[in-house]
N, C-alpha and C. Protein backbone atom coordinates (compact mmCIF):
# COMPACT_ATOMS: atom_id res chain seq x y z
N MET A 1 -17.90 158.20 135.94
CA MET A 1 -16.48 158.01 135.65
C MET A 1 -15.88 159.29 135.08
N LYS A 2 -16.61 159.94 134.14
CA LYS A 2 -16.08 161.18 133.56
C LYS A 2 -15.96 162.27 134.61
N SER A 3 -16.91 162.33 135.56
CA SER A 3 -16.85 163.38 136.58
C SER A 3 -15.67 163.15 137.53
N ILE A 4 -15.35 161.90 137.84
CA ILE A 4 -14.19 161.62 138.69
C ILE A 4 -12.92 162.01 137.97
N LEU A 5 -12.83 161.68 136.68
CA LEU A 5 -11.66 162.04 135.89
C LEU A 5 -11.53 163.57 135.81
N ALA A 6 -12.63 164.26 135.59
CA ALA A 6 -12.60 165.73 135.53
C ALA A 6 -12.15 166.31 136.87
N LEU A 7 -12.62 165.72 137.96
CA LEU A 7 -12.23 166.19 139.29
C LEU A 7 -10.73 165.98 139.51
N LEU A 8 -10.21 164.83 139.14
CA LEU A 8 -8.79 164.55 139.29
C LEU A 8 -7.94 165.49 138.44
N ILE A 9 -8.37 165.76 137.22
CA ILE A 9 -7.66 166.69 136.36
C ILE A 9 -7.69 168.09 136.97
N GLY A 10 -8.82 168.48 137.50
CA GLY A 10 -8.95 169.79 138.15
C GLY A 10 -8.04 169.91 139.35
N LEU A 11 -7.98 168.86 140.17
CA LEU A 11 -7.10 168.88 141.33
C LEU A 11 -5.63 168.95 140.92
N ALA A 12 -5.28 168.25 139.86
CA ALA A 12 -3.90 168.29 139.36
C ALA A 12 -3.56 169.70 138.87
N CYS A 13 -4.48 170.35 138.22
CA CYS A 13 -4.25 171.72 137.74
C CYS A 13 -4.10 172.69 138.91
N ILE A 14 -4.93 172.54 139.93
CA ILE A 14 -4.82 173.40 141.11
C ILE A 14 -3.48 173.18 141.79
N SER A 15 -3.06 171.92 141.92
CA SER A 15 -1.78 171.61 142.55
C SER A 15 -0.63 172.21 141.75
N ALA A 16 -0.67 172.09 140.43
CA ALA A 16 0.38 172.64 139.58
C ALA A 16 0.38 174.17 139.67
N ALA A 17 -0.79 174.78 139.72
CA ALA A 17 -0.87 176.24 139.83
C ALA A 17 -0.30 176.71 141.17
N SER A 18 -0.59 175.98 142.25
CA SER A 18 -0.06 176.35 143.56
C SER A 18 1.45 176.28 143.58
N ALA A 19 2.00 175.22 143.00
CA ALA A 19 3.46 175.09 142.94
C ALA A 19 4.06 176.17 142.07
N ALA A 20 3.37 176.56 141.01
CA ALA A 20 3.88 177.58 140.11
C ALA A 20 3.92 178.95 140.75
N GLU A 21 3.16 179.16 141.82
CA GLU A 21 3.17 180.46 142.48
C GLU A 21 4.50 180.73 143.18
N PHE A 22 5.22 179.70 143.53
CA PHE A 22 6.52 179.89 144.17
C PHE A 22 7.54 180.30 143.11
N GLN A 23 8.44 181.20 143.50
CA GLN A 23 9.52 181.65 142.64
C GLN A 23 10.83 181.18 143.23
N SER A 24 11.67 180.59 142.40
CA SER A 24 12.97 180.14 142.88
C SER A 24 13.85 181.35 143.20
N LEU A 25 14.58 181.27 144.30
CA LEU A 25 15.50 182.33 144.68
C LEU A 25 16.96 181.95 144.44
N PHE A 26 17.17 180.74 143.93
CA PHE A 26 18.53 180.28 143.68
C PHE A 26 18.52 179.29 142.53
N ASN A 27 19.38 179.53 141.54
CA ASN A 27 19.38 178.70 140.33
C ASN A 27 20.30 177.49 140.40
N GLY A 28 21.06 177.32 141.47
CA GLY A 28 21.95 176.17 141.61
C GLY A 28 23.24 176.27 140.82
N LYS A 29 23.46 177.42 140.14
CA LYS A 29 24.65 177.57 139.30
C LYS A 29 25.55 178.73 139.72
N ASP A 30 24.92 179.83 140.14
CA ASP A 30 25.69 181.00 140.54
C ASP A 30 24.87 181.82 141.54
N LEU A 31 25.38 182.96 141.93
CA LEU A 31 24.73 183.78 142.95
C LEU A 31 23.76 184.81 142.35
N THR A 32 23.31 184.58 141.12
CA THR A 32 22.32 185.47 140.53
C THR A 32 21.12 185.59 141.46
N GLY A 33 20.69 186.83 141.71
CA GLY A 33 19.55 187.06 142.59
C GLY A 33 19.95 187.40 144.01
N TRP A 34 21.24 187.32 144.32
CA TRP A 34 21.75 187.60 145.66
C TRP A 34 22.88 188.61 145.59
N HIS A 35 22.97 189.45 146.60
CA HIS A 35 24.04 190.43 146.71
C HIS A 35 24.83 190.15 147.99
N ILE A 36 26.14 190.16 147.88
CA ILE A 36 27.00 189.98 149.04
C ILE A 36 27.10 191.31 149.76
N MET A 37 26.78 191.28 151.03
CA MET A 37 26.84 192.49 151.86
C MET A 37 27.96 192.32 152.88
N ASN A 38 28.92 193.21 152.82
CA ASN A 38 30.05 193.24 153.74
C ASN A 38 31.03 192.13 153.43
N ASP A 39 31.76 191.67 154.39
CA ASP A 39 32.87 190.74 154.18
C ASP A 39 32.39 189.30 154.23
N VAL A 40 31.97 188.77 153.07
CA VAL A 40 31.36 187.44 153.01
C VAL A 40 31.96 186.65 151.85
N THR A 41 32.20 185.37 152.09
CA THR A 41 32.56 184.45 151.01
C THR A 41 31.41 183.47 150.85
N ALA A 42 30.85 183.44 149.63
CA ALA A 42 29.76 182.51 149.30
C ALA A 42 30.06 181.94 147.93
N GLU A 43 29.62 180.70 147.70
CA GLU A 43 29.89 180.03 146.44
C GLU A 43 28.82 178.98 146.18
N VAL A 44 28.90 178.37 145.02
CA VAL A 44 27.99 177.28 144.68
C VAL A 44 28.81 175.99 144.68
N VAL A 45 28.36 175.02 145.46
CA VAL A 45 29.04 173.73 145.56
C VAL A 45 28.00 172.63 145.39
N ASP A 46 28.18 171.80 144.38
CA ASP A 46 27.26 170.69 144.11
C ASP A 46 25.80 171.15 144.02
N GLY A 47 25.58 172.32 143.42
CA GLY A 47 24.23 172.85 143.24
C GLY A 47 23.63 173.50 144.47
N ASN A 48 24.40 173.60 145.54
CA ASN A 48 23.95 174.23 146.78
C ASN A 48 24.58 175.61 146.91
N LEU A 49 23.85 176.52 147.51
CA LEU A 49 24.39 177.82 147.88
C LEU A 49 25.15 177.62 149.18
N ARG A 50 26.45 177.86 149.15
CA ARG A 50 27.27 177.63 150.34
C ARG A 50 27.80 178.98 150.85
N ILE A 51 27.52 179.25 152.12
CA ILE A 51 28.19 180.37 152.76
C ILE A 51 29.40 179.77 153.46
N VAL A 52 30.55 180.43 153.30
CA VAL A 52 31.80 179.84 153.74
C VAL A 52 32.36 180.55 154.96
N LYS A 53 32.51 181.86 154.85
CA LYS A 53 33.09 182.61 155.96
C LYS A 53 32.75 184.09 155.82
N GLY A 54 33.12 184.83 156.85
CA GLY A 54 32.93 186.27 156.85
C GLY A 54 31.91 186.70 157.89
N MET A 55 31.74 187.99 157.98
CA MET A 55 30.77 188.60 158.88
C MET A 55 29.94 189.56 158.04
N GLY A 56 28.76 189.13 157.67
CA GLY A 56 27.89 189.93 156.82
C GLY A 56 26.66 189.13 156.46
N TRP A 57 26.17 189.35 155.24
CA TRP A 57 24.96 188.64 154.84
C TRP A 57 24.81 188.67 153.33
N LEU A 58 23.99 187.75 152.85
CA LEU A 58 23.55 187.76 151.45
C LEU A 58 22.14 188.31 151.46
N ARG A 59 21.83 189.20 150.53
CA ARG A 59 20.47 189.74 150.48
C ARG A 59 19.87 189.49 149.11
N SER A 60 18.57 189.32 149.11
CA SER A 60 17.83 189.09 147.87
C SER A 60 17.86 190.34 147.00
N ASP A 61 17.71 190.15 145.70
CA ASP A 61 17.59 191.28 144.77
C ASP A 61 16.38 192.15 145.09
N LYS A 62 15.28 191.48 145.40
CA LYS A 62 14.01 192.17 145.56
C LYS A 62 13.63 192.34 147.02
N GLU A 63 12.78 193.32 147.27
CA GLU A 63 12.16 193.48 148.57
C GLU A 63 10.81 192.74 148.54
N TYR A 64 10.40 192.26 149.69
CA TYR A 64 9.15 191.52 149.80
C TYR A 64 8.33 192.08 150.96
N GLY A 65 7.01 192.03 150.79
CA GLY A 65 6.08 192.39 151.85
C GLY A 65 5.61 191.12 152.52
N ASP A 66 4.41 190.66 152.17
CA ASP A 66 3.90 189.40 152.70
C ASP A 66 4.38 188.26 151.80
N PHE A 67 4.78 187.15 152.41
CA PHE A 67 5.35 186.06 151.62
C PHE A 67 5.34 184.76 152.41
N VAL A 68 5.56 183.66 151.67
CA VAL A 68 5.92 182.37 152.25
C VAL A 68 7.29 182.04 151.66
N PHE A 69 8.25 181.78 152.54
CA PHE A 69 9.61 181.44 152.14
C PHE A 69 9.90 180.03 152.62
N GLU A 70 10.45 179.22 151.73
CA GLU A 70 10.84 177.86 152.07
C GLU A 70 12.26 177.60 151.60
N CYS A 71 12.98 176.83 152.37
CA CYS A 71 14.30 176.38 151.92
C CYS A 71 14.76 175.22 152.79
N GLU A 72 15.79 174.56 152.33
CA GLU A 72 16.45 173.52 153.10
C GLU A 72 17.86 174.01 153.40
N TRP A 73 18.35 173.69 154.58
CA TRP A 73 19.70 174.11 154.98
C TRP A 73 20.35 173.02 155.81
N ARG A 74 21.68 173.07 155.83
CA ARG A 74 22.42 172.19 156.73
C ARG A 74 23.69 172.91 157.16
N ALA A 75 24.00 172.77 158.42
CA ALA A 75 25.24 173.32 158.97
C ALA A 75 26.36 172.34 158.65
N LEU A 76 27.51 172.89 158.36
CA LEU A 76 28.66 172.05 158.00
C LEU A 76 29.74 172.03 159.08
N GLU A 77 29.51 172.77 160.17
CA GLU A 77 30.49 172.84 161.26
C GLU A 77 29.78 172.82 162.61
N GLU A 78 30.48 172.35 163.62
CA GLU A 78 29.95 172.38 164.99
C GLU A 78 29.77 173.84 165.42
N LYS A 79 28.96 174.05 166.44
CA LYS A 79 28.68 175.40 166.98
C LYS A 79 28.30 176.37 165.87
N TYR A 80 27.46 175.90 164.95
CA TYR A 80 27.07 176.67 163.78
C TYR A 80 26.22 177.89 164.16
N ASP A 81 26.23 178.87 163.24
CA ASP A 81 25.48 180.11 163.48
C ASP A 81 25.22 180.80 162.15
N SER A 82 23.97 181.00 161.84
CA SER A 82 23.52 181.74 160.67
C SER A 82 22.11 182.21 160.98
N GLY A 83 21.35 182.56 159.96
CA GLY A 83 19.97 182.94 160.18
C GLY A 83 19.37 183.54 158.93
N PHE A 84 18.06 183.74 158.99
CA PHE A 84 17.33 184.39 157.90
C PHE A 84 16.85 185.75 158.37
N TYR A 85 17.18 186.81 157.63
CA TYR A 85 16.65 188.13 157.91
C TYR A 85 15.35 188.30 157.13
N LEU A 86 14.36 188.88 157.78
CA LEU A 86 13.04 189.04 157.18
C LEU A 86 12.73 190.52 157.01
N ARG A 87 12.38 190.91 155.80
CA ARG A 87 12.04 192.30 155.49
C ARG A 87 13.13 193.25 156.00
N ALA A 88 14.36 192.91 155.70
CA ALA A 88 15.51 193.67 156.19
C ALA A 88 15.71 194.94 155.39
N GLY A 89 16.23 195.95 156.06
CA GLY A 89 16.69 197.17 155.41
C GLY A 89 18.16 197.01 155.05
N MET A 90 18.74 198.07 154.51
CA MET A 90 20.14 197.98 154.08
C MET A 90 21.10 198.66 155.05
N GLU A 91 20.58 199.26 156.11
CA GLU A 91 21.43 199.96 157.07
C GLU A 91 22.10 198.96 158.01
N GLY A 92 23.31 199.29 158.42
CA GLY A 92 24.00 198.47 159.41
C GLY A 92 25.15 197.68 158.84
N LYS A 93 26.14 197.43 159.68
CA LYS A 93 27.29 196.64 159.28
C LYS A 93 27.81 195.92 160.52
N PRO A 94 28.06 194.64 160.51
CA PRO A 94 28.06 193.78 159.34
C PRO A 94 26.68 193.29 158.92
N TRP A 95 25.67 193.44 159.79
CA TRP A 95 24.33 192.94 159.48
C TRP A 95 23.33 194.07 159.51
N PRO A 96 22.16 193.89 158.90
CA PRO A 96 21.14 194.95 158.95
C PRO A 96 20.71 195.19 160.40
N THR A 97 20.51 196.44 160.76
CA THR A 97 20.24 196.75 162.17
C THR A 97 18.75 196.70 162.53
N ASP A 98 17.90 197.29 161.73
CA ASP A 98 16.48 197.38 162.10
C ASP A 98 15.71 196.23 161.45
N THR A 99 15.98 195.02 161.90
CA THR A 99 15.34 193.86 161.28
C THR A 99 15.14 192.75 162.30
N TRP A 100 14.51 191.72 161.86
CA TRP A 100 14.26 190.52 162.66
C TRP A 100 14.96 189.36 161.99
N GLN A 101 15.32 188.38 162.80
CA GLN A 101 16.05 187.23 162.29
C GLN A 101 15.46 185.95 162.83
N VAL A 102 15.30 184.96 161.95
CA VAL A 102 15.02 183.60 162.38
C VAL A 102 16.39 182.95 162.49
N ASN A 103 16.77 182.63 163.71
CA ASN A 103 18.12 182.18 164.01
C ASN A 103 18.36 180.74 163.55
N LEU A 104 19.57 180.50 163.09
CA LEU A 104 20.04 179.15 162.76
C LEU A 104 21.30 178.86 163.56
N ARG A 105 21.30 179.27 164.81
CA ARG A 105 22.43 179.00 165.69
C ARG A 105 22.20 177.67 166.39
N PHE A 106 23.26 176.92 166.62
CA PHE A 106 23.17 175.55 167.14
C PHE A 106 22.29 175.42 168.38
N ASP A 107 22.27 176.42 169.24
CA ASP A 107 21.47 176.32 170.47
C ASP A 107 20.20 177.18 170.43
N MET A 108 19.88 177.76 169.25
CA MET A 108 18.69 178.59 169.10
C MET A 108 18.04 178.39 167.75
N VAL A 109 18.03 177.17 167.23
CA VAL A 109 17.50 176.91 165.89
C VAL A 109 16.05 177.37 165.80
N GLY A 110 15.80 178.31 164.88
CA GLY A 110 14.44 178.77 164.62
C GLY A 110 13.95 179.87 165.54
N ALA A 111 14.70 180.27 166.54
CA ALA A 111 14.25 181.33 167.44
C ALA A 111 14.15 182.65 166.67
N LEU A 112 13.09 183.41 166.93
CA LEU A 112 12.92 184.73 166.33
C LEU A 112 13.58 185.75 167.23
N CYS A 113 14.52 186.49 166.67
CA CYS A 113 15.27 187.48 167.44
C CYS A 113 15.04 188.86 166.84
N GLY A 114 14.77 189.84 167.67
CA GLY A 114 14.63 191.22 167.23
C GLY A 114 13.97 192.06 168.28
N HIS A 115 14.49 193.25 168.48
CA HIS A 115 13.91 194.22 169.40
C HIS A 115 13.69 193.64 170.79
N GLY A 116 14.63 192.81 171.22
CA GLY A 116 14.54 192.23 172.56
C GLY A 116 13.57 191.08 172.68
N LYS A 117 12.95 190.67 171.58
CA LYS A 117 12.00 189.55 171.60
C LYS A 117 12.73 188.27 171.23
N LEU A 118 12.27 187.18 171.79
CA LEU A 118 12.84 185.89 171.47
C LEU A 118 11.75 184.83 171.63
N THR A 119 11.48 184.11 170.56
CA THR A 119 10.49 183.04 170.62
C THR A 119 11.19 181.73 170.98
N PRO A 120 10.43 180.70 171.30
CA PRO A 120 11.05 179.39 171.55
C PRO A 120 11.78 178.88 170.31
N SER A 121 12.76 178.05 170.52
CA SER A 121 13.51 177.48 169.40
C SER A 121 13.13 176.02 169.20
N ALA A 122 13.54 175.51 168.05
CA ALA A 122 13.35 174.10 167.73
C ALA A 122 14.52 173.32 168.34
N PRO A 123 14.43 172.00 168.36
CA PRO A 123 15.56 171.20 168.88
C PRO A 123 16.83 171.43 168.05
N THR A 124 17.97 171.29 168.69
CA THR A 124 19.26 171.39 168.01
C THR A 124 19.30 170.33 166.91
N VAL A 125 19.94 170.68 165.81
CA VAL A 125 20.01 169.80 164.65
C VAL A 125 21.47 169.36 164.47
N PRO A 126 21.71 168.07 164.24
CA PRO A 126 23.08 167.61 164.03
C PRO A 126 23.71 168.23 162.77
N VAL A 127 25.02 168.39 162.79
CA VAL A 127 25.77 168.86 161.64
C VAL A 127 25.54 167.91 160.47
N ASN A 128 25.47 168.46 159.27
CA ASN A 128 25.29 167.73 158.00
C ASN A 128 23.90 167.13 157.82
N GLU A 129 22.95 167.49 158.64
CA GLU A 129 21.57 167.02 158.47
C GLU A 129 20.74 168.11 157.80
N TRP A 130 20.06 167.76 156.70
CA TRP A 130 19.21 168.74 156.01
C TRP A 130 17.97 169.03 156.84
N VAL A 131 17.62 170.30 156.89
CA VAL A 131 16.46 170.79 157.63
C VAL A 131 15.63 171.64 156.69
N LYS A 132 14.30 171.47 156.74
CA LYS A 132 13.42 172.31 155.92
C LYS A 132 12.76 173.35 156.81
N SER A 133 12.94 174.61 156.42
CA SER A 133 12.30 175.72 157.13
C SER A 133 11.26 176.35 156.23
N ARG A 134 10.14 176.75 156.84
CA ARG A 134 9.07 177.46 156.14
C ARG A 134 8.68 178.65 157.00
N ILE A 135 8.81 179.84 156.43
CA ILE A 135 8.50 181.07 157.14
C ILE A 135 7.38 181.77 156.40
N GLU A 136 6.34 182.14 157.12
CA GLU A 136 5.24 182.90 156.53
C GLU A 136 5.18 184.26 157.21
N ALA A 137 5.20 185.32 156.40
CA ALA A 137 5.09 186.69 156.89
C ALA A 137 3.84 187.30 156.27
N LYS A 138 2.88 187.65 157.13
CA LYS A 138 1.61 188.24 156.68
C LYS A 138 1.27 189.38 157.61
N GLY A 139 1.44 190.61 157.11
CA GLY A 139 1.19 191.77 157.96
C GLY A 139 2.10 191.74 159.16
N ARG A 140 1.54 191.81 160.35
CA ARG A 140 2.31 191.81 161.60
C ARG A 140 2.58 190.39 162.11
N LYS A 141 2.10 189.38 161.39
CA LYS A 141 2.22 188.00 161.86
C LYS A 141 3.32 187.24 161.13
N LEU A 142 4.06 186.47 161.92
CA LEU A 142 5.07 185.57 161.39
C LEU A 142 4.79 184.17 161.91
N LYS A 143 5.08 183.17 161.08
CA LYS A 143 4.95 181.77 161.48
C LYS A 143 6.18 181.02 160.99
N LEU A 144 6.64 180.08 161.80
CA LEU A 144 7.75 179.24 161.41
C LEU A 144 7.39 177.78 161.60
N SER A 145 7.73 176.97 160.60
CA SER A 145 7.67 175.51 160.70
C SER A 145 9.07 174.98 160.39
N VAL A 146 9.50 173.99 161.15
CA VAL A 146 10.78 173.34 160.93
C VAL A 146 10.50 171.86 160.72
N ASN A 147 10.93 171.36 159.56
CA ASN A 147 10.67 169.96 159.18
C ASN A 147 9.19 169.60 159.30
N GLY A 148 8.34 170.52 158.88
CA GLY A 148 6.90 170.28 158.85
C GLY A 148 6.19 170.45 160.18
N GLN A 149 6.92 170.77 161.24
CA GLN A 149 6.33 170.95 162.56
C GLN A 149 6.26 172.43 162.90
N LYS A 150 5.06 172.89 163.29
CA LYS A 150 4.90 174.28 163.68
C LYS A 150 5.80 174.55 164.89
N THR A 151 6.64 175.58 164.78
CA THR A 151 7.56 175.93 165.85
C THR A 151 7.01 177.09 166.68
N TRP A 152 6.52 178.15 166.00
CA TRP A 152 5.94 179.28 166.71
C TRP A 152 5.14 180.16 165.76
N GLU A 153 4.33 181.02 166.35
CA GLU A 153 3.65 182.13 165.67
C GLU A 153 3.92 183.37 166.48
N TYR A 154 4.11 184.48 165.80
CA TYR A 154 4.37 185.74 166.49
C TYR A 154 3.52 186.83 165.85
N ASP A 155 2.90 187.67 166.67
CA ASP A 155 2.09 188.79 166.19
C ASP A 155 2.67 190.06 166.80
N GLY A 156 3.28 190.86 165.96
CA GLY A 156 3.89 192.10 166.44
C GLY A 156 5.07 192.52 165.56
N TYR A 157 5.18 191.91 164.43
CA TYR A 157 6.25 192.22 163.49
C TYR A 157 6.04 193.63 162.95
N ASP A 158 7.08 194.47 162.99
CA ASP A 158 6.89 195.88 162.73
C ASP A 158 7.39 196.41 161.39
N ARG A 159 7.90 195.58 160.51
CA ARG A 159 8.32 196.05 159.18
C ARG A 159 7.37 195.51 158.14
N VAL A 160 6.99 196.34 157.19
CA VAL A 160 6.02 195.91 156.17
C VAL A 160 6.67 195.44 154.88
N LYS A 161 7.93 195.80 154.66
CA LYS A 161 8.59 195.42 153.42
C LYS A 161 10.10 195.46 153.63
N GLY A 162 10.81 194.60 152.90
CA GLY A 162 12.27 194.60 152.98
C GLY A 162 12.86 193.40 152.27
N TYR A 163 14.15 193.24 152.41
CA TYR A 163 14.88 192.17 151.75
C TYR A 163 14.88 190.90 152.58
N LEU A 164 14.98 189.79 151.90
CA LEU A 164 15.22 188.51 152.55
C LEU A 164 16.74 188.36 152.60
N GLY A 165 17.26 187.88 153.71
CA GLY A 165 18.71 187.76 153.82
C GLY A 165 19.13 186.48 154.50
N ILE A 166 20.37 186.10 154.26
CA ILE A 166 21.00 184.96 154.91
C ILE A 166 22.22 185.49 155.66
N GLN A 167 22.23 185.32 156.96
CA GLN A 167 23.34 185.80 157.78
C GLN A 167 24.55 184.89 157.60
N VAL A 168 25.73 185.52 157.55
CA VAL A 168 26.99 184.79 157.48
C VAL A 168 27.78 185.19 158.73
N GLU A 169 28.12 184.20 159.55
CA GLU A 169 28.84 184.48 160.79
C GLU A 169 29.96 183.45 160.99
N ASN A 170 30.88 183.43 159.99
CA ASN A 170 32.09 182.60 160.06
C ASN A 170 31.83 181.12 160.27
N ARG A 171 30.71 180.63 159.80
CA ARG A 171 30.42 179.19 159.85
C ARG A 171 29.86 178.77 158.50
N ALA A 172 30.25 177.61 158.03
CA ALA A 172 29.83 177.12 156.72
C ALA A 172 28.45 176.46 156.80
N PHE A 173 27.60 176.80 155.84
CA PHE A 173 26.26 176.25 155.69
C PHE A 173 26.01 176.00 154.22
N ASP A 174 25.16 175.02 153.90
CA ASP A 174 24.61 174.83 152.57
C ASP A 174 23.13 175.16 152.60
N PHE A 175 22.64 175.75 151.50
CA PHE A 175 21.22 176.04 151.33
C PHE A 175 20.80 175.53 149.96
N ARG A 176 19.59 174.99 149.88
CA ARG A 176 19.06 174.54 148.59
C ARG A 176 17.54 174.72 148.60
N ASN A 177 16.97 174.62 147.41
CA ASN A 177 15.52 174.75 147.24
C ASN A 177 14.98 176.02 147.89
N LEU A 178 15.69 177.12 147.72
CA LEU A 178 15.24 178.41 148.23
C LEU A 178 14.16 178.92 147.30
N ARG A 179 12.98 179.17 147.86
CA ARG A 179 11.88 179.66 147.03
C ARG A 179 10.95 180.54 147.86
N ILE A 180 10.27 181.44 147.15
CA ILE A 180 9.38 182.37 147.82
C ILE A 180 8.08 182.49 147.04
N ARG A 181 7.01 182.68 147.78
CA ARG A 181 5.70 182.94 147.17
C ARG A 181 5.21 184.26 147.73
N PRO A 182 5.31 185.34 146.94
CA PRO A 182 4.78 186.62 147.42
C PRO A 182 3.26 186.50 147.61
N LEU A 183 2.76 187.08 148.69
CA LEU A 183 1.34 187.02 148.99
C LEU A 183 0.62 188.31 148.62
N ARG A 184 1.34 189.34 148.30
CA ARG A 184 0.74 190.59 147.82
C ARG A 184 1.71 191.34 147.00
């Protein structure tokens, strides 16, 4: 009985430690940790990070190498279009030029775009429906899961470090539970 209890306590500690490895990227109160790049309107609404309008992007304070990024998002308008920039540089306007993007466009949800490459996309998601995305970047490899389902893996990613970004393309989106676990 004591060994089972010790095992359960150990598993609980491991689970708590794993969760603690993730760092929140959004506090639910303001845009601390994010920088507005170019002509963008973003705000906090009901504890969600809302991108409202403009042509540009929000970028993280920090640069990341290998990481696991998770968040939930929902489009608030038809024909929606946004995306996540991975290991982005700061060059380019309105968006970073030498980077890759996991697309959040209505007809290309989850597609990886960059340097003429395009991976398969996930099914279109209805407006106002929350979606959970998980992106893992490890060396040259990227993986995407949407709502817990593996969408694709790609080997050939050419940037080793950069900013995480959220594309703003004149469509309203909400984001919540943005978190990252650096892997190195």
